[in-house]
mmCIF file of all heavy atoms, coordinates in Angstrom:
data_MODEL
# 
_entry.id   MODEL 
# 
loop_
_atom_site.group_PDB 
_atom_site.id 
_atom_site.type_symbol 
_atom_site.label_atom_id 
_atom_site.label_alt_id 
_atom_site.label_comp_id 
_atom_site.label_asym_id 
_atom_site.label_entity_id 
_atom_site.label_seq_id 
_atom_site.pdbx_PDB_ins_code 
_atom_site.Cartn_x 
_atom_site.Cartn_y 
_atom_site.Cartn_z 
_atom_site.occupancy 
_atom_site.B_iso_or_equiv 
_atom_site.pdbx_formal_charge 
_atom_site.auth_seq_id 
_atom_site.auth_comp_id 
_atom_site.auth_asym_id 
_atom_site.auth_atom_id 
_atom_site.pdbx_PDB_model_num 
ATOM 1   N N   . ASP A 1 1  ? 0.821  -1.205 -0.001  1.00 0.00 ? 1  ASP A N   1 
ATOM 2   C CA  . ASP A 1 1  ? 0.003  -0.001 0.011   1.00 0.00 ? 1  ASP A CA  1 
ATOM 3   C C   . ASP A 1 1  ? 0.866  1.257  -0.006  1.00 0.00 ? 1  ASP A C   1 
ATOM 4   O O   . ASP A 1 1  ? 0.572  2.221  -0.689  1.00 0.00 ? 1  ASP A O   1 
ATOM 5   C CB  . ASP A 1 1  ? -0.926 0.025  1.205   1.00 0.00 ? 1  ASP A CB  1 
ATOM 6   C CG  . ASP A 1 1  ? -2.056 -1.008 1.123   1.00 0.00 ? 1  ASP A CG  1 
ATOM 7   O OD1 . ASP A 1 1  ? -2.284 -1.529 0.016   1.00 0.00 ? 1  ASP A OD1 1 
ATOM 8   O OD2 . ASP A 1 1  ? -2.661 -1.294 2.158   1.00 0.00 ? 1  ASP A OD2 1 
ATOM 9   N N   . PHE A 1 2  ? 1.942  1.246  0.800   1.00 0.00 ? 2  PHE A N   1 
ATOM 10  C CA  . PHE A 1 2  ? 2.817  2.405  0.856   1.00 0.00 ? 2  PHE A CA  1 
ATOM 11  C C   . PHE A 1 2  ? 3.502  2.620  -0.496  1.00 0.00 ? 2  PHE A C   1 
ATOM 12  O O   . PHE A 1 2  ? 3.576  3.766  -0.977  1.00 0.00 ? 2  PHE A O   1 
ATOM 13  C CB  . PHE A 1 2  ? 3.862  2.195  1.953   1.00 0.00 ? 2  PHE A CB  1 
ATOM 14  C CG  . PHE A 1 2  ? 4.820  3.345  2.075   1.00 0.00 ? 2  PHE A CG  1 
ATOM 15  C CD1 . PHE A 1 2  ? 4.407  4.566  2.545   1.00 0.00 ? 2  PHE A CD1 1 
ATOM 16  C CD2 . PHE A 1 2  ? 6.143  3.205  1.658   1.00 0.00 ? 2  PHE A CD2 1 
ATOM 17  C CE1 . PHE A 1 2  ? 5.292  5.639  2.648   1.00 0.00 ? 2  PHE A CE1 1 
ATOM 18  C CE2 . PHE A 1 2  ? 7.020  4.261  1.746   1.00 0.00 ? 2  PHE A CE2 1 
ATOM 19  C CZ  . PHE A 1 2  ? 6.590  5.473  2.246   1.00 0.00 ? 2  PHE A CZ  1 
ATOM 20  N N   . ARG A 1 3  ? 3.975  1.557  -1.121  1.00 0.00 ? 3  ARG A N   1 
ATOM 21  C CA  . ARG A 1 3  ? 4.614  1.700  -2.440  1.00 0.00 ? 3  ARG A CA  1 
ATOM 22  C C   . ARG A 1 3  ? 3.627  2.224  -3.455  1.00 0.00 ? 3  ARG A C   1 
ATOM 23  O O   . ARG A 1 3  ? 3.957  3.078  -4.265  1.00 0.00 ? 3  ARG A O   1 
ATOM 24  C CB  . ARG A 1 3  ? 5.163  0.347  -2.917  1.00 0.00 ? 3  ARG A CB  1 
ATOM 25  C CG  . ARG A 1 3  ? 6.423  -0.052 -2.212  1.00 0.00 ? 3  ARG A CG  1 
ATOM 26  C CD  . ARG A 1 3  ? 6.937  -1.354 -2.776  1.00 0.00 ? 3  ARG A CD  1 
ATOM 27  N NE  . ARG A 1 3  ? 8.169  -1.746 -2.070  1.00 0.00 ? 3  ARG A NE  1 
ATOM 28  C CZ  . ARG A 1 3  ? 9.015  -2.611 -2.535  1.00 0.00 ? 3  ARG A CZ  1 
ATOM 29  N NH1 . ARG A 1 3  ? 8.775  -3.228 -3.662  1.00 0.00 ? 3  ARG A NH1 1 
ATOM 30  N NH2 . ARG A 1 3  ? 10.092 -2.925 -1.857  1.00 0.00 ? 3  ARG A NH2 1 
ATOM 31  N N   . SER A 1 4  ? 2.412  1.731  -3.412  1.00 0.00 ? 4  SER A N   1 
ATOM 32  C CA  . SER A 1 4  ? 1.368  2.206  -4.332  1.00 0.00 ? 4  SER A CA  1 
ATOM 33  C C   . SER A 1 4  ? 1.083  3.694  -4.077  1.00 0.00 ? 4  SER A C   1 
ATOM 34  O O   . SER A 1 4  ? 0.942  4.486  -5.009  1.00 0.00 ? 4  SER A O   1 
ATOM 35  C CB  . SER A 1 4  ? 0.098  1.393  -4.166  1.00 0.00 ? 4  SER A CB  1 
ATOM 36  O OG  . SER A 1 4  ? -0.944 1.920  -4.934  1.00 0.00 ? 4  SER A OG  1 
ATOM 37  N N   . PHE A 1 5  ? 1.000  4.069  -2.818  1.00 0.00 ? 5  PHE A N   1 
ATOM 38  C CA  . PHE A 1 5  ? 0.747  5.468  -2.438  1.00 0.00 ? 5  PHE A CA  1 
ATOM 39  C C   . PHE A 1 5  ? 1.862  6.380  -2.955  1.00 0.00 ? 5  PHE A C   1 
ATOM 40  O O   . PHE A 1 5  ? 1.587  7.411  -3.568  1.00 0.00 ? 5  PHE A O   1 
ATOM 41  C CB  . PHE A 1 5  ? 0.643  5.573  -0.924  1.00 0.00 ? 5  PHE A CB  1 
ATOM 42  C CG  . PHE A 1 5  ? 0.537  6.970  -0.407  1.00 0.00 ? 5  PHE A CG  1 
ATOM 43  C CD1 . PHE A 1 5  ? -0.638 7.694  -0.592  1.00 0.00 ? 5  PHE A CD1 1 
ATOM 44  C CD2 . PHE A 1 5  ? 1.598  7.567  0.275   1.00 0.00 ? 5  PHE A CD2 1 
ATOM 45  C CE1 . PHE A 1 5  ? -0.751 8.992  -0.091  1.00 0.00 ? 5  PHE A CE1 1 
ATOM 46  C CE2 . PHE A 1 5  ? 1.506  8.847  0.750   1.00 0.00 ? 5  PHE A CE2 1 
ATOM 47  C CZ  . PHE A 1 5  ? 0.318  9.555  0.576   1.00 0.00 ? 5  PHE A CZ  1 
ATOM 48  N N   . VAL A 1 6  ? 3.109  5.969  -2.755  1.00 0.00 ? 6  VAL A N   1 
ATOM 49  C CA  . VAL A 1 6  ? 4.255  6.782  -3.220  1.00 0.00 ? 6  VAL A CA  1 
ATOM 50  C C   . VAL A 1 6  ? 4.260  6.855  -4.750  1.00 0.00 ? 6  VAL A C   1 
ATOM 51  O O   . VAL A 1 6  ? 4.485  7.919  -5.318  1.00 0.00 ? 6  VAL A O   1 
ATOM 52  C CB  . VAL A 1 6  ? 5.579  6.210  -2.673  1.00 0.00 ? 6  VAL A CB  1 
ATOM 53  C CG1 . VAL A 1 6  ? 6.772  6.895  -3.311  1.00 0.00 ? 6  VAL A CG1 1 
ATOM 54  C CG2 . VAL A 1 6  ? 5.632  6.371  -1.154  1.00 0.00 ? 6  VAL A CG2 1 
ATOM 55  N N   . ALA A 1 7  ? 3.969  5.758  -5.409  1.00 0.00 ? 7  ALA A N   1 
ATOM 56  C CA  . ALA A 1 7  ? 3.924  5.760  -6.877  1.00 0.00 ? 7  ALA A CA  1 
ATOM 57  C C   . ALA A 1 7  ? 2.845  6.700  -7.371  1.00 0.00 ? 7  ALA A C   1 
ATOM 58  O O   . ALA A 1 7  ? 3.072  7.459  -8.323  1.00 0.00 ? 7  ALA A O   1 
ATOM 59  C CB  . ALA A 1 7  ? 3.694  4.348  -7.413  1.00 0.00 ? 7  ALA A CB  1 
ATOM 60  N N   . ASP A 1 8  ? 1.675  6.678  -6.715  1.00 0.00 ? 8  ASP A N   1 
ATOM 61  C CA  . ASP A 1 8  ? 0.579  7.603  -7.102  1.00 0.00 ? 8  ASP A CA  1 
ATOM 62  C C   . ASP A 1 8  ? 0.990  9.057  -6.905  1.00 0.00 ? 8  ASP A C   1 
ATOM 63  O O   . ASP A 1 8  ? 0.617  9.914  -7.714  1.00 0.00 ? 8  ASP A O   1 
ATOM 64  C CB  . ASP A 1 8  ? -0.671 7.280  -6.311  1.00 0.00 ? 8  ASP A CB  1 
ATOM 65  C CG  . ASP A 1 8  ? -1.330 5.985  -6.744  1.00 0.00 ? 8  ASP A CG  1 
ATOM 66  O OD1 . ASP A 1 8  ? -0.977 5.491  -7.830  1.00 0.00 ? 8  ASP A OD1 1 
ATOM 67  O OD2 . ASP A 1 8  ? -2.179 5.481  -5.964  1.00 0.00 ? 8  ASP A OD2 1 
ATOM 68  N N   . ILE A 1 9  ? 1.707  9.321  -5.842  1.00 0.00 ? 9  ILE A N   1 
ATOM 69  C CA  . ILE A 1 9  ? 2.169  10.695 -5.592  1.00 0.00 ? 9  ILE A CA  1 
ATOM 70  C C   . ILE A 1 9  ? 3.077  11.154 -6.729  1.00 0.00 ? 9  ILE A C   1 
ATOM 71  O O   . ILE A 1 9  ? 2.924  12.253 -7.268  1.00 0.00 ? 9  ILE A O   1 
ATOM 72  C CB  . ILE A 1 9  ? 2.885  10.795 -4.246  1.00 0.00 ? 9  ILE A CB  1 
ATOM 73  C CG1 . ILE A 1 9  ? 1.901  10.731 -3.090  1.00 0.00 ? 9  ILE A CG1 1 
ATOM 74  C CG2 . ILE A 1 9  ? 3.702  12.102 -4.139  1.00 0.00 ? 9  ILE A CG2 1 
ATOM 75  C CD1 . ILE A 1 9  ? 2.521  10.681 -1.719  1.00 0.00 ? 9  ILE A CD1 1 
ATOM 76  N N   . PHE A 1 10 ? 4.036  10.299 -7.110  1.00 0.00 ? 10 PHE A N   1 
ATOM 77  C CA  . PHE A 1 10 ? 4.947  10.679 -8.182  1.00 0.00 ? 10 PHE A CA  1 
ATOM 78  C C   . PHE A 1 10 ? 4.218  10.818 -9.525  1.00 0.00 ? 10 PHE A C   1 
ATOM 79  O O   . PHE A 1 10 ? 4.548  11.698 -10.337 1.00 0.00 ? 10 PHE A O   1 
ATOM 80  C CB  . PHE A 1 10 ? 6.116  9.706  -8.282  1.00 0.00 ? 10 PHE A CB  1 
ATOM 81  C CG  . PHE A 1 10 ? 7.189  9.965  -7.268  1.00 0.00 ? 10 PHE A CG  1 
ATOM 82  C CD1 . PHE A 1 10 ? 7.315  9.173  -6.154  1.00 0.00 ? 10 PHE A CD1 1 
ATOM 83  C CD2 . PHE A 1 10 ? 8.062  11.038 -7.447  1.00 0.00 ? 10 PHE A CD2 1 
ATOM 84  C CE1 . PHE A 1 10 ? 8.278  9.436  -5.204  1.00 0.00 ? 10 PHE A CE1 1 
ATOM 85  C CE2 . PHE A 1 10 ? 9.040  11.293 -6.494  1.00 0.00 ? 10 PHE A CE2 1 
ATOM 86  C CZ  . PHE A 1 10 ? 9.163  10.500 -5.383  1.00 0.00 ? 10 PHE A CZ  1 
ATOM 87  N N   . ILE A 1 11 ? 3.223  9.989  -9.774  1.00 0.00 ? 11 ILE A N   1 
ATOM 88  C CA  . ILE A 1 11 ? 2.428  10.116 -10.995 1.00 0.00 ? 11 ILE A CA  1 
ATOM 89  C C   . ILE A 1 11 ? 1.691  11.442 -10.999 1.00 0.00 ? 11 ILE A C   1 
ATOM 90  O O   . ILE A 1 11 ? 1.665  12.154 -12.021 1.00 0.00 ? 11 ILE A O   1 
ATOM 91  C CB  . ILE A 1 11 ? 1.442  8.935  -11.128 1.00 0.00 ? 11 ILE A CB  1 
ATOM 92  C CG1 . ILE A 1 11 ? 2.213  7.659  -11.423 1.00 0.00 ? 11 ILE A CG1 1 
ATOM 93  C CG2 . ILE A 1 11 ? 0.397  9.209  -12.182 1.00 0.00 ? 11 ILE A CG2 1 
ATOM 94  C CD1 . ILE A 1 11 ? 1.370  6.399  -11.332 1.00 0.00 ? 11 ILE A CD1 1 
ATOM 95  N N   . THR A 1 12 ? 1.122  11.829 -9.887  1.00 0.00 ? 12 THR A N   1 
ATOM 96  C CA  . THR A 1 12 ? 0.413  13.102 -9.776  1.00 0.00 ? 12 THR A CA  1 
ATOM 97  C C   . THR A 1 12 ? 1.371  14.306 -9.983  1.00 0.00 ? 12 THR A C   1 
ATOM 98  O O   . THR A 1 12 ? 1.040  15.242 -10.681 1.00 0.00 ? 12 THR A O   1 
ATOM 99  C CB  . THR A 1 12 ? -0.279 13.227 -8.402  1.00 0.00 ? 12 THR A CB  1 
ATOM 100 O OG1 . THR A 1 12 ? -1.152 12.106 -8.230  1.00 0.00 ? 12 THR A OG1 1 
ATOM 101 C CG2 . THR A 1 12 ? -1.068 14.503 -8.280  1.00 0.00 ? 12 THR A CG2 1 
ATOM 102 N N   . ILE A 1 13 ? 2.550  14.213 -9.356  1.00 0.00 ? 13 ILE A N   1 
ATOM 103 C CA  . ILE A 1 13 ? 3.539  15.286 -9.509  1.00 0.00 ? 13 ILE A CA  1 
ATOM 104 C C   . ILE A 1 13 ? 3.964  15.403 -10.968 1.00 0.00 ? 13 ILE A C   1 
ATOM 105 O O   . ILE A 1 13 ? 4.055  16.500 -11.513 1.00 0.00 ? 13 ILE A O   1 
ATOM 106 C CB  . ILE A 1 13 ? 4.737  15.055 -8.571  1.00 0.00 ? 13 ILE A CB  1 
ATOM 107 C CG1 . ILE A 1 13 ? 4.317  15.218 -7.121  1.00 0.00 ? 13 ILE A CG1 1 
ATOM 108 C CG2 . ILE A 1 13 ? 5.902  15.980 -8.929  1.00 0.00 ? 13 ILE A CG2 1 
ATOM 109 C CD1 . ILE A 1 13 ? 5.362  14.787 -6.117  1.00 0.00 ? 13 ILE A CD1 1 
ATOM 110 N N   . ALA A 1 14 ? 4.208  14.261 -11.634 1.00 0.00 ? 14 ALA A N   1 
ATOM 111 C CA  . ALA A 1 14 ? 4.602  14.271 -13.027 1.00 0.00 ? 14 ALA A CA  1 
ATOM 112 C C   . ALA A 1 14 ? 3.521  14.851 -13.898 1.00 0.00 ? 14 ALA A C   1 
ATOM 113 O O   . ALA A 1 14 ? 3.788  15.638 -14.816 1.00 0.00 ? 14 ALA A O   1 
ATOM 114 C CB  . ALA A 1 14 ? 4.973  12.863 -13.475 1.00 0.00 ? 14 ALA A CB  1 
ATOM 115 N N   . ALA A 1 15 ? 2.257  14.503 -13.617 1.00 0.00 ? 15 ALA A N   1 
ATOM 116 C CA  . ALA A 1 15 ? 1.154  15.055 -14.408 1.00 0.00 ? 15 ALA A CA  1 
ATOM 117 C C   . ALA A 1 15 ? 1.039  16.568 -14.200 1.00 0.00 ? 15 ALA A C   1 
ATOM 118 O O   . ALA A 1 15 ? 0.802  17.326 -15.170 1.00 0.00 ? 15 ALA A O   1 
ATOM 119 C CB  . ALA A 1 15 ? -0.166 14.395 -14.000 1.00 0.00 ? 15 ALA A CB  1 
ATOM 120 N N   . PHE A 1 16 ? 1.263  17.031 -12.989 1.00 0.00 ? 16 PHE A N   1 
ATOM 121 C CA  . PHE A 1 16 ? 1.205  18.461 -12.686 1.00 0.00 ? 16 PHE A CA  1 
ATOM 122 C C   . PHE A 1 16 ? 2.291  19.200 -13.440 1.00 0.00 ? 16 PHE A C   1 
ATOM 123 O O   . PHE A 1 16 ? 2.047  20.221 -14.089 1.00 0.00 ? 16 PHE A O   1 
ATOM 124 C CB  . PHE A 1 16 ? 1.352  18.669 -11.174 1.00 0.00 ? 16 PHE A CB  1 
ATOM 125 C CG  . PHE A 1 16 ? 1.357  20.122 -10.762 1.00 0.00 ? 16 PHE A CG  1 
ATOM 126 C CD1 . PHE A 1 16 ? 0.210  20.875 -10.871 1.00 0.00 ? 16 PHE A CD1 1 
ATOM 127 C CD2 . PHE A 1 16 ? 2.503  20.697 -10.271 1.00 0.00 ? 16 PHE A CD2 1 
ATOM 128 C CE1 . PHE A 1 16 ? 0.204  22.220 -10.488 1.00 0.00 ? 16 PHE A CE1 1 
ATOM 129 C CE2 . PHE A 1 16 ? 2.509  22.021 -9.888  1.00 0.00 ? 16 PHE A CE2 1 
ATOM 130 C CZ  . PHE A 1 16 ? 1.366  22.781 -9.986  1.00 0.00 ? 16 PHE A CZ  1 
ATOM 131 N N   . PHE A 1 17 ? 3.529  18.682 -13.390 1.00 0.00 ? 17 PHE A N   1 
ATOM 132 C CA  . PHE A 1 17 ? 4.621  19.344 -14.123 1.00 0.00 ? 17 PHE A CA  1 
ATOM 133 C C   . PHE A 1 17 ? 4.408  19.260 -15.628 1.00 0.00 ? 17 PHE A C   1 
ATOM 134 O O   . PHE A 1 17 ? 4.722  20.187 -16.370 1.00 0.00 ? 17 PHE A O   1 
ATOM 135 C CB  . PHE A 1 17 ? 5.983  18.741 -13.736 1.00 0.00 ? 17 PHE A CB  1 
ATOM 136 C CG  . PHE A 1 17 ? 6.495  19.241 -12.420 1.00 0.00 ? 17 PHE A CG  1 
ATOM 137 C CD1 . PHE A 1 17 ? 6.816  18.344 -11.407 1.00 0.00 ? 17 PHE A CD1 1 
ATOM 138 C CD2 . PHE A 1 17 ? 6.626  20.599 -12.187 1.00 0.00 ? 17 PHE A CD2 1 
ATOM 139 C CE1 . PHE A 1 17 ? 7.272  18.803 -10.177 1.00 0.00 ? 17 PHE A CE1 1 
ATOM 140 C CE2 . PHE A 1 17 ? 7.090  21.067 -10.965 1.00 0.00 ? 17 PHE A CE2 1 
ATOM 141 C CZ  . PHE A 1 17 ? 7.411  20.183 -9.963  1.00 0.00 ? 17 PHE A CZ  1 
ATOM 142 N N   . GLY A 1 18 ? 3.846  18.145 -16.110 1.00 0.00 ? 18 GLY A N   1 
ATOM 143 C CA  . GLY A 1 18 ? 3.522  18.036 -17.523 1.00 0.00 ? 18 GLY A CA  1 
ATOM 144 C C   . GLY A 1 18 ? 2.512  19.074 -17.951 1.00 0.00 ? 18 GLY A C   1 
ATOM 145 O O   . GLY A 1 18 ? 2.620  19.687 -19.020 1.00 0.00 ? 18 GLY A O   1 
ATOM 146 N N   . TYR A 1 19 ? 1.517  19.313 -17.104 1.00 0.00 ? 19 TYR A N   1 
ATOM 147 C CA  . TYR A 1 19 ? 0.517  20.356 -17.394 1.00 0.00 ? 19 TYR A CA  1 
ATOM 148 C C   . TYR A 1 19 ? 1.155  21.732 -17.451 1.00 0.00 ? 19 TYR A C   1 
ATOM 149 O O   . TYR A 1 19 ? 0.888  22.508 -18.365 1.00 0.00 ? 19 TYR A O   1 
ATOM 150 C CB  . TYR A 1 19 ? -0.586 20.325 -16.315 1.00 0.00 ? 19 TYR A CB  1 
ATOM 151 C CG  . TYR A 1 19 ? -1.584 21.438 -16.444 1.00 0.00 ? 19 TYR A CG  1 
ATOM 152 C CD1 . TYR A 1 19 ? -2.612 21.342 -17.385 1.00 0.00 ? 19 TYR A CD1 1 
ATOM 153 C CD2 . TYR A 1 19 ? -1.496 22.588 -15.649 1.00 0.00 ? 19 TYR A CD2 1 
ATOM 154 C CE1 . TYR A 1 19 ? -3.530 22.363 -17.517 1.00 0.00 ? 19 TYR A CE1 1 
ATOM 155 C CE2 . TYR A 1 19 ? -2.423 23.607 -15.792 1.00 0.00 ? 19 TYR A CE2 1 
ATOM 156 C CZ  . TYR A 1 19 ? -3.440 23.493 -16.734 1.00 0.00 ? 19 TYR A CZ  1 
ATOM 157 O OH  . TYR A 1 19 ? -4.311 24.512 -16.869 1.00 0.00 ? 19 TYR A OH  1 
ATOM 158 N N   . ILE A 1 20 ? 2.024  22.019 -16.480 1.00 0.00 ? 20 ILE A N   1 
ATOM 159 C CA  . ILE A 1 20 ? 2.695  23.330 -16.440 1.00 0.00 ? 20 ILE A CA  1 
ATOM 160 C C   . ILE A 1 20 ? 3.555  23.507 -17.704 1.00 0.00 ? 20 ILE A C   1 
ATOM 161 O O   . ILE A 1 20 ? 3.497  24.553 -18.368 1.00 0.00 ? 20 ILE A O   1 
ATOM 162 C CB  . ILE A 1 20 ? 3.545  23.481 -15.169 1.00 0.00 ? 20 ILE A CB  1 
ATOM 163 C CG1 . ILE A 1 20 ? 2.623  23.600 -13.951 1.00 0.00 ? 20 ILE A CG1 1 
ATOM 164 C CG2 . ILE A 1 20 ? 4.476  24.686 -15.264 1.00 0.00 ? 20 ILE A CG2 1 
ATOM 165 C CD1 . ILE A 1 20 ? 3.359  23.572 -12.637 1.00 0.00 ? 20 ILE A CD1 1 
ATOM 166 N N   . VAL A 1 21 ? 4.332  22.505 -18.056 1.00 0.00 ? 21 VAL A N   1 
ATOM 167 C CA  . VAL A 1 21 ? 5.178  22.606 -19.248 1.00 0.00 ? 21 VAL A CA  1 
ATOM 168 C C   . VAL A 1 21 ? 4.319  22.760 -20.487 1.00 0.00 ? 21 VAL A C   1 
ATOM 169 O O   . VAL A 1 21 ? 4.635  23.564 -21.383 1.00 0.00 ? 21 VAL A O   1 
ATOM 170 C CB  . VAL A 1 21 ? 6.107  21.367 -19.363 1.00 0.00 ? 21 VAL A CB  1 
ATOM 171 C CG1 . VAL A 1 21 ? 6.783  21.296 -20.715 1.00 0.00 ? 21 VAL A CG1 1 
ATOM 172 C CG2 . VAL A 1 21 ? 7.133  21.368 -18.244 1.00 0.00 ? 21 VAL A CG2 1 
ATOM 173 N N   . GLY A 1 22 ? 3.194  22.034 -20.578 1.00 0.00 ? 22 GLY A N   1 
ATOM 174 C CA  . GLY A 1 22 ? 2.295  22.165 -21.702 1.00 0.00 ? 22 GLY A CA  1 
ATOM 175 C C   . GLY A 1 22 ? 1.719  23.574 -21.815 1.00 0.00 ? 22 GLY A C   1 
ATOM 176 O O   . GLY A 1 22 ? 1.634  24.141 -22.917 1.00 0.00 ? 22 GLY A O   1 
ATOM 177 N N   . GLN A 1 23 ? 1.375  24.175 -20.681 1.00 0.00 ? 23 GLN A N   1 
ATOM 178 C CA  . GLN A 1 23 ? 0.858  25.538 -20.690 1.00 0.00 ? 23 GLN A CA  1 
ATOM 179 C C   . GLN A 1 23 ? 1.923  26.541 -21.149 1.00 0.00 ? 23 GLN A C   1 
ATOM 180 O O   . GLN A 1 23 ? 1.644  27.429 -21.955 1.00 0.00 ? 23 GLN A O   1 
ATOM 181 C CB  . GLN A 1 23 ? 0.344  25.933 -19.297 1.00 0.00 ? 23 GLN A CB  1 
ATOM 182 C CG  . GLN A 1 23 ? -0.920 25.250 -18.892 1.00 0.00 ? 23 GLN A CG  1 
ATOM 183 C CD  . GLN A 1 23 ? -2.102 25.660 -19.757 1.00 0.00 ? 23 GLN A CD  1 
ATOM 184 O OE1 . GLN A 1 23 ? -2.255 26.808 -20.121 1.00 0.00 ? 23 GLN A OE1 1 
ATOM 185 N NE2 . GLN A 1 23 ? -2.898 24.673 -20.126 1.00 0.00 ? 23 GLN A NE2 1 
ATOM 186 N N   . VAL A 1 24 ? 3.139  26.368 -20.692 1.00 0.00 ? 24 VAL A N   1 
ATOM 187 C CA  . VAL A 1 24 ? 4.239  27.257 -21.067 1.00 0.00 ? 24 VAL A CA  1 
ATOM 188 C C   . VAL A 1 24 ? 4.519  27.113 -22.568 1.00 0.00 ? 24 VAL A C   1 
ATOM 189 O O   . VAL A 1 24 ? 4.667  28.091 -23.295 1.00 0.00 ? 24 VAL A O   1 
ATOM 190 C CB  . VAL A 1 24 ? 5.511  26.985 -20.225 1.00 0.00 ? 24 VAL A CB  1 
ATOM 191 C CG1 . VAL A 1 24 ? 6.720  27.714 -20.788 1.00 0.00 ? 24 VAL A CG1 1 
ATOM 192 C CG2 . VAL A 1 24 ? 5.263  27.375 -18.788 1.00 0.00 ? 24 VAL A CG2 1 
ATOM 193 N N   . VAL A 1 25 ? 4.592  25.872 -23.037 1.00 0.00 ? 25 VAL A N   1 
ATOM 194 C CA  . VAL A 1 25 ? 4.861  25.653 -24.462 1.00 0.00 ? 25 VAL A CA  1 
ATOM 195 C C   . VAL A 1 25 ? 3.751  26.226 -25.318 1.00 0.00 ? 25 VAL A C   1 
ATOM 196 O O   . VAL A 1 25 ? 4.004  26.870 -26.341 1.00 0.00 ? 25 VAL A O   1 
ATOM 197 C CB  . VAL A 1 25 ? 5.070  24.131 -24.744 1.00 0.00 ? 25 VAL A CB  1 
ATOM 198 C CG1 . VAL A 1 25 ? 5.053  23.825 -26.246 1.00 0.00 ? 25 VAL A CG1 1 
ATOM 199 C CG2 . VAL A 1 25 ? 6.373  23.638 -24.120 1.00 0.00 ? 25 VAL A CG2 1 
ATOM 200 N N   . GLY A 1 26 ? 2.482  26.040 -24.915 1.00 0.00 ? 26 GLY A N   1 
ATOM 201 C CA  . GLY A 1 26 ? 1.370  26.607 -25.659 1.00 0.00 ? 26 GLY A CA  1 
ATOM 202 C C   . GLY A 1 26 ? 1.451  28.136 -25.693 1.00 0.00 ? 26 GLY A C   1 
ATOM 203 O O   . GLY A 1 26 ? 1.186  28.745 -26.728 1.00 0.00 ? 26 GLY A O   1 
ATOM 204 N N   . PHE A 1 27 ? 1.791  28.751 -24.579 1.00 0.00 ? 27 PHE A N   1 
ATOM 205 C CA  . PHE A 1 27 ? 1.934  30.214 -24.523 1.00 0.00 ? 27 PHE A CA  1 
ATOM 206 C C   . PHE A 1 27 ? 3.015  30.713 -25.459 1.00 0.00 ? 27 PHE A C   1 
ATOM 207 O O   . PHE A 1 27 ? 2.832  31.650 -26.226 1.00 0.00 ? 27 PHE A O   1 
ATOM 208 C CB  . PHE A 1 27 ? 2.248  30.614 -23.081 1.00 0.00 ? 27 PHE A CB  1 
ATOM 209 C CG  . PHE A 1 27 ? 2.414  32.082 -22.872 1.00 0.00 ? 27 PHE A CG  1 
ATOM 210 C CD1 . PHE A 1 27 ? 1.322  32.933 -22.956 1.00 0.00 ? 27 PHE A CD1 1 
ATOM 211 C CD2 . PHE A 1 27 ? 3.665  32.628 -22.602 1.00 0.00 ? 27 PHE A CD2 1 
ATOM 212 C CE1 . PHE A 1 27 ? 1.483  34.304 -22.764 1.00 0.00 ? 27 PHE A CE1 1 
ATOM 213 C CE2 . PHE A 1 27 ? 3.815  33.966 -22.426 1.00 0.00 ? 27 PHE A CE2 1 
ATOM 214 C CZ  . PHE A 1 27 ? 2.737  34.817 -22.501 1.00 0.00 ? 27 PHE A CZ  1 
ATOM 215 N N   . VAL A 1 28 ? 4.151  30.014 -25.448 1.00 0.00 ? 28 VAL A N   1 
ATOM 216 C CA  . VAL A 1 28 ? 5.275  30.404 -26.337 1.00 0.00 ? 28 VAL A CA  1 
ATOM 217 C C   . VAL A 1 28 ? 4.876  30.180 -27.794 1.00 0.00 ? 28 VAL A C   1 
ATOM 218 O O   . VAL A 1 28 ? 5.203  31.025 -28.654 1.00 0.00 ? 28 VAL A O   1 
ATOM 219 C CB  . VAL A 1 28 ? 6.557  29.609 -25.954 1.00 0.00 ? 28 VAL A CB  1 
ATOM 220 C CG1 . VAL A 1 28 ? 7.636  29.800 -27.000 1.00 0.00 ? 28 VAL A CG1 1 
ATOM 221 C CG2 . VAL A 1 28 ? 7.059  30.020 -24.572 1.00 0.00 ? 28 VAL A CG2 1 
ATOM 222 N N   . GLU A 1 29 ? 4.175  29.105 -28.107 1.00 0.00 ? 29 GLU A N   1 
ATOM 223 C CA  . GLU A 1 29 ? 3.725  28.875 -29.467 1.00 0.00 ? 29 GLU A CA  1 
ATOM 224 C C   . GLU A 1 29 ? 2.781  30.009 -29.917 1.00 0.00 ? 29 GLU A C   1 
ATOM 225 O O   . GLU A 1 29 ? 2.861  30.471 -31.073 1.00 0.00 ? 29 GLU A O   1 
ATOM 226 C CB  . GLU A 1 29 ? 3.000  27.527 -29.607 1.00 0.00 ? 29 GLU A CB  1 
ATOM 227 C CG  . GLU A 1 29 ? 3.951  26.359 -29.620 1.00 0.00 ? 29 GLU A CG  1 
ATOM 228 C CD  . GLU A 1 29 ? 3.199  25.027 -29.718 1.00 0.00 ? 29 GLU A CD  1 
ATOM 229 O OE1 . GLU A 1 29 ? 1.955  24.996 -29.490 1.00 0.00 ? 29 GLU A OE1 1 
ATOM 230 O OE2 . GLU A 1 29 ? 3.860  24.009 -29.984 1.00 0.00 ? 29 GLU A OE2 1 
ATOM 231 N N   . ASP A 1 30 ? 1.871  30.423 -29.045 1.00 0.00 ? 30 ASP A N   1 
ATOM 232 C CA  . ASP A 1 30 ? 0.951  31.519 -29.386 1.00 0.00 ? 30 ASP A CA  1 
ATOM 233 C C   . ASP A 1 30 ? 1.724  32.803 -29.683 1.00 0.00 ? 30 ASP A C   1 
ATOM 234 O O   . ASP A 1 30 ? 1.415  33.512 -30.653 1.00 0.00 ? 30 ASP A O   1 
ATOM 235 C CB  . ASP A 1 30 ? -0.057 31.753 -28.267 1.00 0.00 ? 30 ASP A CB  1 
ATOM 236 C CG  . ASP A 1 30 ? -1.052 30.634 -28.114 1.00 0.00 ? 30 ASP A CG  1 
ATOM 237 O OD1 . ASP A 1 30 ? -1.183 29.830 -29.081 1.00 0.00 ? 30 ASP A OD1 1 
ATOM 238 O OD2 . ASP A 1 30 ? -1.708 30.540 -27.067 1.00 0.00 ? 30 ASP A OD2 1 
# 
């Protein structure tokens, strides 16, 4: 359960950073 919890945290963090990078790239493209 702990390993699954930690993995989920890292997946969420990666998704958050991916969203931020996507927003920045979209802004620069515009």
